[in-house]
Amino acid sequence: MACMNEEGQWIVLMGLLVAVALFFLALIINQSALVGQTTAEGVLEFPKNDIRDLREAVFDYVKEFGDADNAVREDIIAISLERKNAVVSFTVNQKMDVSGHWLHPVEIHYNNGVTVYNETVYY
């Protein structure tokens, strides 16, 4: 009994360590895939192009009509709700002096249920 061969115990111990390491790596890879997916979904859910399109339409409105209130404003709001499922409102205030330039302060509000965007810009 004094001369027992212990090589079999090392093989079993190394097999157990490899199995635990593989389980740990599989867990890490699974979590990284989930984190990557939710990050990509967050980027895809942000409606950057919708907001850019809205800003362009509002700036065209300001350039054409100034601070006059007419049916075009209601059309922009209705089209945003119909096509993009977003509640939009914007106000154009009287011109004011900004660094020597007379500009309209424009407040834009955008809400599609996931993203809320508010901006005040001078145009």
Protein backbone atom coordinates (compact mmCIF):
# COMPACT_ATOMS: atom_id res chain seq x y z
CA MET A 1 0.00 0.00 0.00
CA ALA A 2 2.92 2.32 0.45
CA CYS A 3 3.63 2.45 -3.30
CA MET A 4 0.17 3.43 -4.67
CA ASN A 5 -0.08 4.87 -8.16
CA GLU A 6 -1.77 8.31 -7.86
CA GLU A 7 -1.71 9.31 -11.57
CA GLY A 8 -5.39 8.44 -11.96
CA GLN A 9 -6.36 10.98 -9.32
CA TRP A 10 -4.54 13.74 -11.23
CA ILE A 11 -6.35 12.82 -14.45
CA VAL A 12 -9.74 12.99 -12.72
CA LEU A 13 -8.82 16.29 -11.01
CA MET A 14 -7.66 17.88 -14.30
CA GLY A 15 -10.85 16.67 -16.03
CA LEU A 16 -12.95 18.31 -13.31
CA LEU A 17 -11.01 21.58 -13.64
CA VAL A 18 -11.46 21.59 -17.44
CA ALA A 19 -15.19 20.95 -17.06
CA VAL A 20 -15.57 23.81 -14.56
CA ALA A 21 -13.55 26.13 -16.84
CA LEU A 22 -15.72 25.24 -19.86
CA PHE A 23 -18.88 25.85 -17.85
CA PHE A 24 -17.55 29.24 -16.71
CA LEU A 25 -16.60 30.25 -20.28
CA ALA A 26 -19.99 29.17 -21.59
CA LEU A 27 -21.68 31.31 -18.94
CA ILE A 28 -19.55 34.35 -19.85
CA ILE A 29 -20.21 33.93 -23.58
CA ASN A 30 -23.94 33.58 -22.94
CA GLN A 31 -24.03 36.78 -20.88
CA SER A 32 -21.97 38.74 -23.42
CA ALA A 33 -24.36 37.72 -26.17
CA LEU A 34 -27.30 39.01 -24.13
CA VAL A 35 -25.57 42.29 -23.32
CA GLY A 36 -24.63 42.79 -26.96
CA GLN A 37 -28.20 42.14 -28.05
CA THR A 38 -29.76 44.60 -25.62
CA THR A 39 -27.17 47.25 -26.53
CA ALA A 40 -27.97 46.82 -30.22
CA GLU A 41 -31.69 47.02 -29.48
CA GLY A 42 -31.17 50.26 -27.58
CA VAL A 43 -29.35 51.76 -30.55
CA LEU A 44 -32.01 50.58 -32.98
CA GLU A 45 -34.85 51.95 -30.86
CA PHE A 46 -33.47 55.50 -30.85
CA PRO A 47 -35.24 57.26 -33.74
CA LYS A 48 -32.38 59.48 -34.87
CA ASN A 49 -33.54 59.71 -38.48
CA ASP A 50 -37.13 60.42 -37.45
CA ILE A 51 -35.96 63.32 -35.29
CA ARG A 52 -33.77 64.63 -38.12
CA ASP A 53 -36.71 64.47 -40.53
CA LEU A 54 -38.91 66.30 -38.02
CA ARG A 55 -36.30 69.02 -37.50
CA GLU A 56 -35.95 69.47 -41.25
CA ALA A 57 -39.74 69.81 -41.67
CA VAL A 58 -39.94 72.29 -38.78
CA PHE A 59 -37.06 74.37 -40.15
CA ASP A 60 -38.71 74.43 -43.60
CA TYR A 61 -41.92 75.57 -41.89
CA VAL A 62 -40.10 78.36 -40.03
CA LYS A 63 -38.32 79.47 -43.20
CA GLU A 64 -41.60 79.61 -45.13
CA PHE A 65 -44.09 80.86 -42.53
CA GLY A 66 -42.08 82.25 -39.60
CA ASP A 67 -44.14 82.32 -36.43
CA ALA A 68 -47.50 82.34 -38.23
CA ASP A 69 -49.94 79.67 -37.09
CA ASN A 70 -51.57 77.79 -39.99
CA ALA A 71 -52.68 74.39 -41.24
CA VAL A 72 -49.16 73.28 -42.19
CA ARG A 73 -48.27 73.03 -38.50
CA GLU A 74 -51.23 70.71 -37.92
CA ASP A 75 -50.23 68.66 -40.99
CA ILE A 76 -46.70 68.11 -39.64
CA ILE A 77 -48.12 66.97 -36.30
CA ALA A 78 -50.70 64.67 -37.92
CA ILE A 79 -48.20 63.11 -40.33
CA SER A 80 -45.75 62.40 -37.49
CA LEU A 81 -48.47 60.65 -35.53
CA GLU A 82 -49.73 58.68 -38.53
CA ARG A 83 -46.44 57.59 -40.09
CA LYS A 84 -44.05 57.43 -37.15
CA ASN A 85 -46.44 56.84 -34.23
CA ALA A 86 -44.89 59.82 -32.48
CA VAL A 87 -46.55 62.65 -30.62
CA VAL A 88 -44.93 65.83 -31.88
CA SER A 89 -45.40 69.46 -30.98
CA PHE A 90 -43.41 72.53 -31.79
CA THR A 91 -43.72 76.22 -31.12
CA VAL A 92 -42.17 79.08 -33.01
CA ASN A 93 -41.78 82.28 -30.99
CA GLN A 94 -41.21 85.87 -32.08
CA LYS A 95 -37.80 86.76 -33.49
CA MET A 96 -35.20 87.85 -30.99
CA ASP A 97 -31.68 89.20 -31.20
CA VAL A 98 -29.08 86.44 -30.78
CA SER A 99 -25.51 87.69 -31.19
CA GLY A 100 -26.52 90.32 -33.71
CA HIS A 101 -28.84 88.03 -35.71
CA TRP A 102 -32.64 88.02 -35.56
CA LEU A 103 -33.68 84.40 -35.08
CA HIS A 104 -36.86 82.53 -34.13
CA PRO A 105 -36.63 80.42 -30.95
CA VAL A 106 -38.12 77.04 -31.90
CA GLU A 107 -39.11 74.48 -29.26
CA ILE A 108 -39.47 70.92 -30.57
CA HIS A 109 -40.99 68.09 -28.51
CA TYR A 110 -40.93 64.47 -29.74
CA ASN A 111 -42.30 61.40 -27.93
CA ASN A 112 -42.79 57.97 -29.49
CA GLY A 113 -43.45 56.08 -26.25
CA VAL A 114 -39.84 54.94 -25.89
CA THR A 115 -37.83 58.06 -26.64
CA VAL A 116 -38.59 61.56 -25.38
CA TYR A 117 -36.70 64.36 -27.14
CA ASN A 118 -36.94 68.07 -26.32
CA GLU A 119 -34.96 70.78 -28.03
CA THR A 120 -34.88 74.56 -28.16
CA VAL A 121 -33.05 75.86 -31.21
CA TYR A 122 -32.73 79.32 -32.72
CA TYR A 123 -33.43 79.35 -36.44
